Protein backbone atom coordinates (compact mmCIF):
# COMPACT_ATOMS: atom_id res chain seq x y z
CA MET A 1 0.34 0.17 -0.28
CA GLY A 2 1.30 3.44 -1.41
CA PRO A 3 1.56 6.51 1.01
CA MET A 4 -1.46 7.71 -0.80
CA GLU A 5 -3.82 4.38 -0.27
CA CYS A 6 -5.39 3.11 2.44
CA ALA A 7 -8.05 1.28 2.72
CA PRO A 8 -11.49 1.80 2.73
CA ASP A 9 -12.64 2.18 6.61
CA ASP A 10 -9.70 4.22 6.84
CA TRP A 11 -12.30 7.16 4.34
CA GLY A 12 -14.30 8.03 6.78
CA LYS A 13 -12.61 8.97 9.78
CA MET A 14 -9.95 11.20 7.87
CA PHE A 15 -12.99 12.79 6.53
CA TRP A 16 -14.44 12.77 9.29
CA VAL A 17 -11.09 15.00 11.36
CA GLU A 18 -10.52 17.42 7.97
CA THR A 19 -13.98 18.51 8.54
CA ARG A 20 -13.51 19.23 12.28
CA ILE A 21 -10.47 20.55 11.84
CA ALA A 22 -12.27 23.52 8.89
CA LEU A 23 -14.51 24.36 11.58
CA GLN A 24 -12.53 25.02 14.40
CA HIS A 25 -10.68 26.87 11.76
CA GLU A 26 -13.46 28.70 10.66
CA ASN A 27 -14.54 29.55 14.20
CA CYS A 28 -11.80 30.42 16.26
CA PHE A 29 -10.11 32.57 13.33
CA GLU A 30 -12.34 33.68 11.38
CA GLN A 31 -14.97 35.34 12.87
CA ASN A 32 -16.14 38.71 11.47
CA PRO A 33 -15.46 41.11 14.51
CA ASP A 34 -18.27 43.05 15.70
CA ILE A 35 -19.21 46.46 14.21
CA PHE A 36 -19.75 49.81 16.17
CA PRO A 37 -22.06 50.87 16.29
CA LEU A 38 -24.66 48.70 15.39
CA SER A 39 -26.82 48.38 12.73
CA PRO A 40 -30.35 49.26 12.70
CA SER A 41 -31.46 46.08 10.99
CA THR A 42 -30.39 44.97 14.84
CA TRP A 43 -33.70 46.77 16.27
CA ARG A 44 -35.77 46.73 13.60
CA LYS A 45 -38.87 44.04 13.53
CA THR A 46 -40.38 44.00 10.49
CA PRO A 47 -37.71 43.67 6.92
CA PHE A 48 -36.87 46.59 5.12
CA ARG A 49 -37.64 46.68 1.62
CA GLN A 50 -36.11 49.62 -0.20
CA ASP A 51 -38.62 51.46 -2.74
CA PRO A 52 -37.26 52.41 -5.75
CA SER A 53 -38.86 55.48 -6.04
CA GLN A 54 -36.87 56.49 -3.03
CA LEU A 55 -34.40 58.94 -3.86
CA SER A 56 -30.54 58.06 -2.21
CA ILE A 57 -27.34 59.71 -2.22
CA VAL A 58 -24.85 58.49 -4.33
CA GLU A 59 -20.69 59.48 -3.46
CA LYS A 60 -19.13 59.44 -6.72
CA ARG A 61 -15.32 59.17 -6.66
CA GLY A 62 -12.81 61.52 -9.09
CA LEU A 63 -15.88 64.57 -8.54
CA VAL A 64 -13.91 68.16 -8.38
CA ILE A 65 -14.29 69.54 -5.04
CA PRO A 66 -15.66 73.08 -5.42
CA LYS A 67 -13.15 76.13 -4.93
CA GLN A 68 -13.95 77.60 -1.38
CA HIS A 69 -14.05 81.66 -2.77
CA SER A 70 -13.49 84.31 0.29
CA SER A 71 -16.48 86.20 1.61
CA TYR A 72 -14.55 89.47 -0.18
CA LEU A 73 -15.33 87.73 -3.28
CA ILE A 74 -18.76 86.13 -2.02
CA LYS A 75 -20.17 89.96 -1.52
CA ALA A 76 -18.76 91.73 -4.67
CA ASP A 77 -20.10 89.17 -7.14
CA GLN A 78 -23.06 89.87 -5.18
CA MET A 79 -23.10 93.44 -5.31
CA LYS A 80 -22.47 92.72 -9.27
CA LEU A 81 -25.89 90.54 -9.39
CA MET A 82 -27.56 93.47 -7.70
CA MET A 83 -26.10 96.67 -9.98
CA GLN A 84 -27.20 94.27 -12.87
CA SER A 85 -30.92 93.94 -11.67
CA LYS A 86 -31.08 97.54 -10.89
CA LYS A 87 -29.84 98.77 -14.19
CA ALA A 88 -32.13 96.78 -16.26
CA SER A 89 -35.12 97.23 -14.10
CA SER A 90 -34.44 100.93 -13.94
CA ARG A 91 -34.85 101.31 -18.22
CA MET A 92 -38.46 101.62 -18.65
CA LEU A 93 -38.88 100.46 -22.15
CA ILE A 94 -41.37 100.32 -24.48
CA SER A 95 -40.87 96.74 -24.61
CA ASN A 96 -42.41 96.51 -20.58
CA PHE A 97 -45.89 98.48 -21.70
CA LEU A 98 -46.51 97.71 -25.53
CA LYS A 99 -47.69 94.90 -27.32
CA ALA A 100 -45.61 92.50 -29.09
CA SER A 101 -43.82 93.76 -32.62
CA HIS A 102 -46.81 91.48 -34.43
CA CYS A 103 -49.36 93.54 -33.35
CA LEU A 104 -49.00 96.29 -34.99
CA TYR A 105 -50.16 94.98 -37.75
CA PRO A 106 -52.78 92.91 -36.80
CA LEU A 107 -53.21 89.38 -38.84
CA LYS A 108 -56.28 88.22 -40.44
CA ILE A 109 -58.65 85.83 -38.34
CA LYS A 110 -59.04 83.16 -40.10
CA TYR A 111 -62.79 82.04 -39.12
CA VAL A 112 -62.53 78.54 -38.45
CA ASP A 113 -65.76 76.42 -37.76
CA ASN A 114 -66.32 73.32 -36.26
CA ASP A 115 -69.44 72.51 -36.32
CA PRO A 116 -69.86 69.19 -38.19
CA GLU A 117 -73.11 70.25 -40.22
CA ILE A 118 -71.39 72.71 -41.86
CA ASN A 119 -68.20 70.49 -42.69
CA MET A 120 -70.71 67.90 -43.86
CA TRP A 121 -72.28 71.05 -45.82
CA LYS A 122 -68.22 72.00 -47.58
CA ARG A 123 -67.44 68.70 -48.54
CA LYS A 124 -70.99 68.45 -50.35
CA ARG A 125 -70.26 71.46 -51.55
CA LEU A 126 -66.66 70.43 -52.79
CA GLN A 127 -67.77 66.95 -53.97
CA ASP A 128 -71.00 68.12 -56.35
CA LEU A 129 -68.10 71.26 -56.99
CA ILE A 130 -65.47 68.46 -58.47
CA GLY A 131 -69.16 66.74 -59.94
CA SER A 132 -69.77 70.18 -62.03
CA LEU A 133 -66.20 69.46 -63.68
CA ALA A 134 -66.80 66.73 -65.65
CA SER A 135 -70.08 67.64 -67.27
CA SER A 136 -70.85 68.40 -70.59
CA VAL A 137 -72.31 72.06 -69.90
CA GLU A 138 -69.11 74.41 -70.15
CA GLN A 139 -70.58 76.72 -68.59
CA GLU A 140 -71.03 74.65 -65.08
CA GLN A 141 -66.87 73.72 -66.25
CA VAL A 142 -66.18 77.26 -66.12
CA TYR A 143 -67.69 78.42 -62.72
CA ALA A 144 -66.86 75.19 -60.78
CA ALA A 145 -63.19 75.64 -61.77
CA GLN A 146 -63.45 78.96 -60.73
CA ALA A 147 -64.93 78.41 -57.69
CA LEU A 148 -62.89 75.85 -56.66
CA GLY A 149 -59.77 78.40 -57.54
CA CYS A 150 -61.08 80.76 -54.65
CA LEU A 151 -62.09 78.31 -51.71
CA GLY A 152 -58.68 77.84 -51.20
CA GLU A 153 -58.94 74.12 -50.12
CA THR A 154 -55.79 71.93 -50.87
CA ASN A 155 -56.50 68.73 -50.68
CA GLU A 156 -55.49 65.97 -52.45
CA LEU A 157 -59.48 65.11 -53.72
CA VAL A 158 -59.21 69.00 -55.08
CA LEU A 159 -55.88 68.61 -57.23
CA SER A 160 -56.46 65.42 -58.63
CA ALA A 161 -59.42 66.67 -59.84
CA LEU A 162 -58.31 69.96 -62.13
CA GLN A 163 -55.54 67.80 -62.88
CA ASN A 164 -57.70 65.25 -64.46
CA ALA A 165 -59.77 67.97 -66.18
CA LEU A 166 -56.32 69.61 -67.60
CA GLN A 167 -55.52 66.45 -69.46
CA VAL A 168 -59.21 65.13 -70.23
CA CYS A 169 -60.70 68.50 -70.96
CA ARG A 170 -59.71 70.08 -74.49
CA SER A 171 -62.31 73.31 -74.48
CA LEU A 172 -59.61 76.63 -74.27
CA PRO A 173 -62.06 78.76 -71.67
CA VAL A 174 -61.93 75.27 -69.41
CA ARG A 175 -58.13 73.95 -70.35
CA TYR A 176 -57.86 78.06 -68.44
CA GLU A 177 -59.76 78.76 -65.55
CA VAL A 178 -58.25 74.43 -64.52
CA THR A 179 -54.81 76.38 -65.39
CA ARG A 180 -54.90 79.91 -63.35
CA SER A 181 -56.90 77.07 -60.56
CA LEU A 182 -53.97 75.34 -60.21
CA VAL A 183 -51.72 77.97 -59.99
CA LEU A 184 -53.72 79.66 -57.43
CA LEU A 185 -53.30 76.62 -54.99
CA GLY A 186 -49.49 75.77 -55.33
CA CYS A 187 -49.82 73.51 -57.58
CA LEU A 188 -46.55 73.77 -60.09
CA GLU A 189 -45.99 70.40 -62.07
CA ALA A 190 -44.37 69.78 -65.31
CA ALA A 191 -48.02 69.88 -66.95
CA VAL A 192 -49.79 72.53 -65.51
CA VAL A 193 -46.41 75.03 -65.47
CA ARG A 194 -46.72 73.70 -69.93
CA GLU A 195 -50.12 74.93 -69.89
CA LEU A 196 -48.89 78.00 -68.40
CA ILE A 197 -46.01 79.39 -70.31
CA GLY A 198 -47.97 78.87 -72.89
CA GLN A 199 -51.05 80.96 -71.49
CA LEU A 200 -49.21 83.51 -71.19
CA LYS A 201 -47.60 83.09 -74.94
CA ARG A 202 -50.81 83.34 -76.58
CA GLY A 203 -53.63 84.44 -73.98
CA SER A 204 -54.74 87.67 -74.66
CA PRO A 205 -53.76 90.83 -72.51
CA MET A 206 -56.54 90.25 -70.07
CA ARG A 207 -56.38 86.90 -69.61
CA ARG A 208 -52.47 86.91 -69.46
CA MET A 209 -52.87 90.00 -66.75
CA ASP A 210 -55.44 87.48 -64.52
CA MET A 211 -52.56 84.70 -64.70
CA LEU A 212 -49.89 86.59 -63.65
CA ALA A 213 -51.40 87.83 -60.96
CA ALA A 214 -52.46 83.98 -59.88
CA LEU A 215 -49.00 82.79 -60.44
CA ARG A 216 -47.80 85.63 -58.37
CA VAL A 217 -49.34 84.62 -55.55
CA ALA A 218 -48.03 81.29 -55.74
CA LEU A 219 -44.84 82.15 -55.78
CA HIS A 220 -44.87 84.76 -53.04
CA THR A 221 -46.25 82.16 -51.14
CA TRP A 222 -43.92 79.86 -52.54
CA ALA A 223 -40.44 82.15 -51.69
CA ALA A 224 -42.23 82.89 -47.93
CA ALA A 225 -41.48 79.56 -47.01
CA PRO A 226 -37.97 78.52 -46.58
CA GLU A 227 -36.37 77.04 -48.39
CA PHE A 228 -35.68 74.10 -47.51
CA GLN A 229 -40.11 73.35 -47.39
CA ARG A 230 -39.83 74.43 -50.70
CA MET A 231 -41.41 72.46 -54.13
CA LEU A 232 -39.63 72.20 -57.01
CA VAL A 233 -41.01 74.18 -60.14
CA ALA A 234 -40.95 72.19 -62.68
CA ALA A 235 -39.71 74.05 -66.49
CA ARG A 236 -38.04 76.86 -63.72
CA SER A 237 -35.42 77.85 -66.35
CA ARG A 238 -38.35 78.15 -69.06
CA LEU A 239 -40.88 80.26 -66.77
CA ILE A 240 -38.23 82.53 -65.98
CA GLN A 241 -37.28 83.07 -69.72
CA ILE A 242 -41.14 84.26 -70.48
CA LEU A 243 -40.73 86.16 -67.94
CA GLU A 244 -38.40 88.30 -68.91
CA GLN A 245 -39.72 87.83 -72.30
CA LEU A 246 -42.60 90.27 -70.48
CA ALA A 247 -41.11 92.17 -68.02
CA SER A 248 -38.14 93.52 -70.87
CA SER A 249 -41.29 94.28 -73.77
CA GLN A 250 -42.98 96.85 -72.19
CA GLY A 251 -41.97 100.00 -69.53
CA PRO A 252 -42.20 99.80 -65.62
CA THR A 253 -45.65 101.75 -65.44
CA ASP A 254 -47.76 98.40 -67.55
CA ASP A 255 -49.28 95.96 -64.89
CA SER A 256 -48.43 92.41 -66.31
CA SER A 257 -44.52 93.96 -66.52
CA PHE A 258 -44.58 94.95 -63.17
CA SER A 259 -45.93 91.68 -62.13
CA ALA A 260 -43.76 89.85 -64.07
CA ALA A 261 -40.96 91.60 -62.91
CA ALA A 262 -42.20 90.57 -59.11
CA CYS A 263 -42.72 86.75 -60.76
CA LEU A 264 -38.09 87.18 -61.60
CA ALA A 265 -37.54 88.58 -58.07
CA TYR A 266 -39.49 85.28 -55.99
CA LEU A 267 -37.90 82.96 -58.75
CA ASP A 268 -34.83 83.85 -58.88
CA SER A 269 -33.24 87.26 -56.61
CA SER A 270 -30.05 87.60 -58.15
CA ASN A 271 -32.09 88.57 -61.76
CA PRO A 272 -30.83 91.28 -63.21
CA THR A 273 -34.38 91.88 -65.36
CA ALA A 274 -36.27 91.78 -62.21
CA ARG A 275 -33.82 94.22 -60.72
CA GLU A 276 -33.73 96.62 -63.35
CA THR A 277 -37.65 96.48 -63.72
CA LEU A 278 -37.66 97.01 -60.22
CA GLN A 279 -35.73 99.88 -59.86
CA ARG A 280 -37.23 102.17 -62.44
CA CYS A 281 -40.79 101.38 -60.88
CA LEU A 282 -38.86 104.08 -57.95
CA VAL A 283 -39.44 107.33 -60.06
CA LEU A 284 -42.66 107.30 -60.66
CA GLU A 285 -45.63 109.24 -58.51
CA ASP A 286 -47.65 105.23 -58.10
CA ARG A 287 -46.84 105.15 -54.31
CA LYS A 288 -48.53 101.47 -54.52
CA MET A 289 -45.99 100.33 -57.31
CA LYS A 290 -43.29 102.64 -56.04
CA MET A 291 -43.81 101.07 -52.17
CA GLN A 292 -44.24 97.12 -53.70
CA ALA A 293 -40.95 97.83 -55.62
CA LEU A 294 -38.90 98.78 -52.66
CA ILE A 295 -40.29 95.73 -51.11
CA LEU A 296 -39.27 93.17 -53.42
CA LEU A 297 -36.00 95.07 -53.84
CA VAL A 298 -34.86 94.59 -50.07
CA ARG A 299 -36.99 92.31 -48.84
CA TYR A 300 -36.66 89.34 -51.55
CA MET A 301 -33.69 90.67 -53.71
CA LYS A 302 -31.11 92.15 -50.76
CA ILE A 303 -30.47 95.02 -52.67
CA ALA A 304 -29.99 98.27 -50.69
CA SER A 305 -28.36 101.46 -52.94
CA ALA A 306 -28.55 105.31 -52.16
CA THR A 307 -31.63 105.17 -54.62
CA ILE A 308 -33.70 102.15 -52.80
CA ILE A 309 -32.48 104.26 -49.19
CA GLN A 310 -33.27 108.14 -50.46
CA ALA A 311 -36.71 106.74 -52.13
CA LEU A 312 -37.29 104.80 -48.36
CA LEU A 313 -37.29 107.72 -47.00
CA ASP A 314 -38.90 109.67 -49.43
CA GLN A 315 -42.10 107.40 -48.41
CA LEU A 316 -41.55 107.26 -44.66
CA CYS A 317 -41.84 111.61 -45.57
CA HIS A 318 -44.30 112.26 -47.69
CA SER A 319 -46.53 108.96 -48.49
CA PRO A 320 -50.46 109.49 -47.67
CA VAL A 321 -50.55 105.95 -47.02
CA TYR A 322 -49.48 105.32 -43.06
CA LYS A 323 -49.09 101.40 -43.72
CA TYR A 324 -46.04 102.54 -46.78
CA ARG A 325 -44.84 104.48 -44.13
CA ALA A 326 -44.65 101.79 -41.41
CA ASP A 327 -43.80 99.13 -44.25
CA SER A 328 -40.83 102.10 -45.65
CA ALA A 329 -39.19 102.28 -42.00
CA SER A 330 -38.81 98.34 -41.15
CA LEU A 331 -37.48 97.85 -44.61
CA LEU A 332 -34.73 100.67 -42.94
CA SER A 333 -34.38 97.96 -40.51
CA CYS A 334 -33.90 95.17 -42.55
CA ILE A 335 -30.90 97.15 -44.23
CA GLY A 336 -28.77 97.64 -41.42
CA LEU A 337 -26.95 100.41 -40.23
CA TRP A 338 -23.68 99.14 -42.23
CA ARG A 339 -25.16 99.48 -45.54
CA ILE A 340 -26.33 102.45 -44.61
CA GLN A 341 -22.66 104.30 -43.31
CA GLN A 342 -21.95 102.73 -46.79
CA GLU A 343 -23.47 104.56 -48.67
CA ASP A 344 -22.96 108.13 -46.34
CA LEU A 345 -26.53 108.25 -45.07
CA GLU A 346 -26.37 107.66 -41.54
CA ASP A 347 -27.44 111.60 -40.56
CA GLU A 348 -30.19 111.72 -43.31
CA VAL A 349 -31.76 108.96 -42.01
CA PHE A 350 -31.52 109.61 -38.74
CA MET A 351 -32.93 112.79 -38.30
CA VAL A 352 -35.80 111.81 -40.99
CA LEU A 353 -36.39 109.02 -38.20
CA LEU A 354 -36.06 111.39 -34.69
CA GLU A 355 -38.27 113.63 -36.94
CA LYS A 356 -41.11 111.05 -37.68
CA LEU A 357 -40.93 109.58 -33.44
CA HIS A 358 -43.20 112.82 -33.02
CA CYS A 359 -44.96 114.46 -36.30
CA GLU A 360 -46.26 111.87 -37.17
CA PRO A 361 -49.62 111.16 -36.56
CA PHE A 362 -50.41 107.80 -36.50
CA LEU A 363 -49.09 105.35 -33.32
CA VAL A 364 -48.07 102.21 -35.21
CA VAL A 365 -45.82 104.29 -37.32
CA ARG A 366 -44.52 106.53 -34.50
CA GLN A 367 -43.52 102.97 -32.61
CA THR A 368 -42.28 101.26 -35.80
CA VAL A 369 -40.00 104.42 -36.38
CA ALA A 370 -39.27 103.50 -32.45
CA MET A 371 -37.65 99.97 -33.44
CA THR A 372 -36.15 101.32 -36.10
CA VAL A 373 -34.35 103.53 -33.95
CA GLU A 374 -33.41 100.67 -31.74
CA VAL A 375 -32.35 98.00 -34.76
CA LEU A 376 -29.90 100.92 -36.86
CA HIS A 377 -28.42 101.01 -32.45
CA MET A 378 -29.37 105.19 -32.81
CA LYS A 379 -31.76 104.70 -29.54
CA GLU A 380 -29.10 105.94 -27.11
CA GLN A 381 -28.32 109.11 -28.68
CA VAL A 382 -32.22 109.85 -29.54
CA TRP A 383 -32.61 109.43 -25.94
CA ASP A 384 -29.83 112.06 -24.94
CA ILE A 385 -31.45 113.67 -27.32
CA VAL A 386 -34.90 113.50 -26.73
CA GLU A 387 -34.01 114.33 -22.53
CA ASN A 388 -31.90 117.42 -22.74
CA ARG A 389 -35.22 119.29 -24.95
CA LEU A 390 -37.62 118.21 -21.73
CA LYS A 391 -35.98 120.85 -20.35
CA GLU A 392 -36.35 123.41 -23.04
CA LYS A 393 -37.85 126.56 -22.62
CA CYS A 394 -40.23 126.48 -26.13
CA LYS A 395 -43.71 124.70 -25.13
CA VAL A 396 -43.44 122.90 -29.14
CA THR A 397 -40.64 121.42 -28.08
CA ARG A 398 -41.15 120.30 -25.23
CA ARG A 399 -44.11 118.44 -26.72
CA GLN A 400 -42.92 116.73 -29.37
CA ALA A 401 -40.28 115.24 -26.52
CA VAL A 402 -42.51 114.50 -24.29
CA ALA A 403 -44.67 112.29 -27.50
CA SER A 404 -41.46 110.96 -28.95
CA LEU A 405 -41.13 109.61 -25.60
CA GLY A 406 -44.35 108.43 -25.88
CA ALA A 407 -43.11 105.52 -28.71
CA LEU A 408 -38.78 105.06 -27.40
CA GLY A 409 -39.90 104.32 -23.88
CA LEU A 410 -38.44 105.98 -21.12
CA PRO A 411 -34.77 104.92 -20.23
CA ASN A 412 -34.60 105.51 -16.63
CA LYS A 413 -36.41 106.67 -13.48
CA GLN A 414 -34.98 110.34 -13.59
CA VAL A 415 -37.05 111.27 -16.39
CA PHE A 416 -39.94 109.36 -15.88
CA PHE A 417 -39.93 111.42 -12.62
CA THR A 418 -39.39 114.15 -14.92
CA LEU A 419 -42.64 113.52 -16.85
CA LEU A 420 -44.42 113.80 -13.29
CA GLU A 421 -43.05 117.24 -12.58
CA MET A 422 -44.40 118.74 -16.15
CA LEU A 423 -47.06 117.29 -15.24
CA GLU A 424 -48.14 119.14 -12.07
CA THR A 425 -45.55 122.13 -13.21
CA ASP A 426 -45.75 123.00 -16.51
CA SER A 427 -46.77 126.18 -17.68
CA SER A 428 -48.30 124.69 -20.93
CA GLU A 429 -51.40 122.91 -20.98
CA ALA A 430 -50.32 121.17 -24.49
CA VAL A 431 -47.08 120.01 -23.00
CA ARG A 432 -49.74 118.58 -19.49
CA ILE A 433 -51.74 116.33 -22.16
CA GLN A 434 -49.18 115.28 -23.79
CA VAL A 435 -47.70 113.66 -20.64
CA ILE A 436 -51.40 112.31 -19.80
CA LYS A 437 -50.90 110.65 -23.24
CA THR A 438 -48.36 108.89 -22.90
CA PHE A 439 -48.33 107.52 -19.49
CA SER A 440 -51.46 106.56 -21.49
CA ILE A 441 -49.66 104.99 -24.36
CA LEU A 442 -47.10 103.10 -21.94
CA GLY A 443 -49.25 101.36 -19.08
CA MET A 444 -48.25 103.77 -16.74
CA ASN A 445 -50.41 102.46 -13.75
CA LYS A 446 -47.99 103.25 -10.97
CA ARG A 447 -49.93 104.20 -7.50
CA HIS A 448 -48.67 107.75 -7.87
CA VAL A 449 -49.19 108.17 -11.50
CA LEU A 450 -52.92 107.58 -10.73
CA LYS A 451 -52.81 109.56 -7.56
CA SER A 452 -52.10 112.81 -9.93
CA LEU A 453 -54.30 112.30 -12.98
CA LEU A 454 -57.42 111.25 -9.87
CA MET A 455 -56.78 114.44 -8.24
CA LYS A 456 -56.60 116.57 -11.96
CA VAL A 457 -60.25 114.71 -13.26
CA ASP A 458 -62.59 117.29 -14.38
CA PRO A 459 -65.04 116.80 -17.54
CA LYS A 460 -65.43 120.26 -17.82
CA GLY A 461 -61.85 121.25 -19.50
CA PRO A 462 -59.28 119.18 -21.53
CA LEU A 463 -57.31 117.89 -19.04
CA GLY A 464 -59.81 116.71 -16.54
CA ARG A 465 -61.02 115.19 -20.33
CA GLU A 466 -57.76 113.14 -20.88
CA CYS A 467 -57.28 112.46 -17.36
CA VAL A 468 -60.46 110.50 -17.34
CA LYS A 469 -59.76 109.03 -20.60
CA ALA A 470 -56.90 107.89 -19.57
CA LEU A 471 -56.82 106.39 -15.91
CA ARG A 472 -60.16 104.66 -18.10
CA GLY A 473 -57.88 102.95 -19.85
CA LEU A 474 -54.98 103.03 -17.53
CA GLN A 475 -57.04 100.73 -14.25
CA LYS A 476 -58.10 98.11 -17.03
CA SER A 477 -54.70 96.90 -16.83
CA PRO A 478 -54.42 93.26 -14.82
CA SER A 479 -51.26 94.66 -12.21
CA THR A 480 -54.06 98.19 -10.68
CA GLN A 481 -57.08 95.32 -10.84
CA ARG A 482 -54.82 92.90 -8.53
CA ASP A 483 -53.34 95.71 -6.35
CA PRO A 484 -55.69 96.24 -3.36
CA THR A 485 -54.32 99.68 -2.40
CA LEU A 486 -55.36 101.27 -5.82
CA ARG A 487 -59.17 100.25 -4.90
CA ASP A 488 -60.10 103.59 -3.17
CA TYR A 489 -58.83 105.68 -6.49
CA GLU A 490 -61.16 103.84 -9.26
CA ILE A 491 -62.42 106.46 -11.44
CA SER A 492 -66.72 106.16 -11.38
CA GLN A 493 -69.23 107.89 -12.46
CA GLU A 494 -69.51 110.02 -9.30
CA VAL A 495 -65.50 111.59 -10.71
CA VAL A 496 -67.59 111.95 -14.72
CA THR A 497 -70.44 113.92 -13.55
CA GLY A 498 -68.62 116.62 -11.33
CA VAL A 499 -68.41 115.25 -8.11
CA SER A 500 -64.59 115.76 -6.93
CA PRO A 501 -62.15 112.80 -6.52
CA LEU A 502 -61.79 113.91 -3.27
CA ALA A 503 -65.79 113.63 -2.08
CA SER A 504 -66.19 109.94 -4.32
CA CYS A 505 -62.77 108.80 -1.99
CA VAL A 506 -64.79 109.70 1.69
CA LEU A 507 -67.93 108.41 -0.16
CA ARG A 508 -66.64 104.72 -0.87
CA ALA A 509 -64.36 105.13 2.70
CA GLY A 510 -67.67 105.01 4.21
CA ARG A 511 -69.65 102.50 2.29
């Protein structure tokens, strides 16, 4: 028997000895020592179940400990933040009191009726018109094509019906109306553009003008969309060639020539024929055509020259239509200060804008001019000039300065308190009335403003009547209605009928 061999009855003794030694070794040497403090589970009667939604603190290694700042640096940072917030709140800008800029020109709200019965009748009307396209009577087909174009429904059912009618029908009046309706709906596919080119080449002047008007509407919508959302215009080069021929064939005063140039400006912003035709329109006496040419040159073709800037200033000063004056000021902001400086027209533009801030009768135009002044980085200089004019001896100059602040806004609290003082002590009643109008335009519904206006309410004089109108407008704002301290100063019928403000306040206090 070798050294590693043993009898079968000795295996049990060896296993029992080794097991006993292992148990003694584990009990004597590998027993875990007691840990203090003891775990909370020692005294917990119920088993602990951790909520998975409960947040816990996790310590991650390698996190950078933030640098400890000294108390001096912390105090300096606090003072810096306080000064910045104070400076930001001290400027009573027009944006804090007026509505957003897009409210200057309210959008036409399209009436949408969600009544299921009305929608059912609309669908039935579209189905009847689509069915009339396949009628054997030519007049019914012409009327159906015209109606579908005027309704403006661009769903797939209408477009497919019009395209099918264009392929099947051989009547020239029907094909003309179908093509015009498809162009109005923005469908500029190959078959539609081919028929459009044929109508522009062979049609009568009246039909050519009508087709150009429809194409201009469609291309205006196409050019206003972002480039990645624009649909592909089929046969674009051929269409541009036909439009160039129409734009250069007649004078700029011709409507068809101008419409062709406008379509070219939408299709190709660098087209020389469109640029020349539109620039020739700037010397015309027709203000409408001149304004349309300026919009196309500046917004769509990105052209800015001394002639264009002078034309914009002329429109801003002498146009009888207020919207043209507002659009001229907006186009000056599109051009930018750098291009105006390149043409050495900065001083002239500045003087015109400064004058229009107070001599313009429409508030919308004054607000647009104020926004243009801010975009052209002239606002600080205008504020300094207006603030100095508040102290002039001439009452007309002071009144103009107060009217300018109604469009620009107030630069600081000192100007606000100056206006309050002028409301109380200025010798000219016209200046005081203008101060009241400025407070009303800017929405200055602060307590001391309302108190000062209320003490001057008098239905017999122009100043008192202006105070009544201003108070009625100011006290409709939500901030005034929420302030409980202003309830005793609400204007009532008693003030309008002649009861003194102090007496009305006492009466309301007694109630």
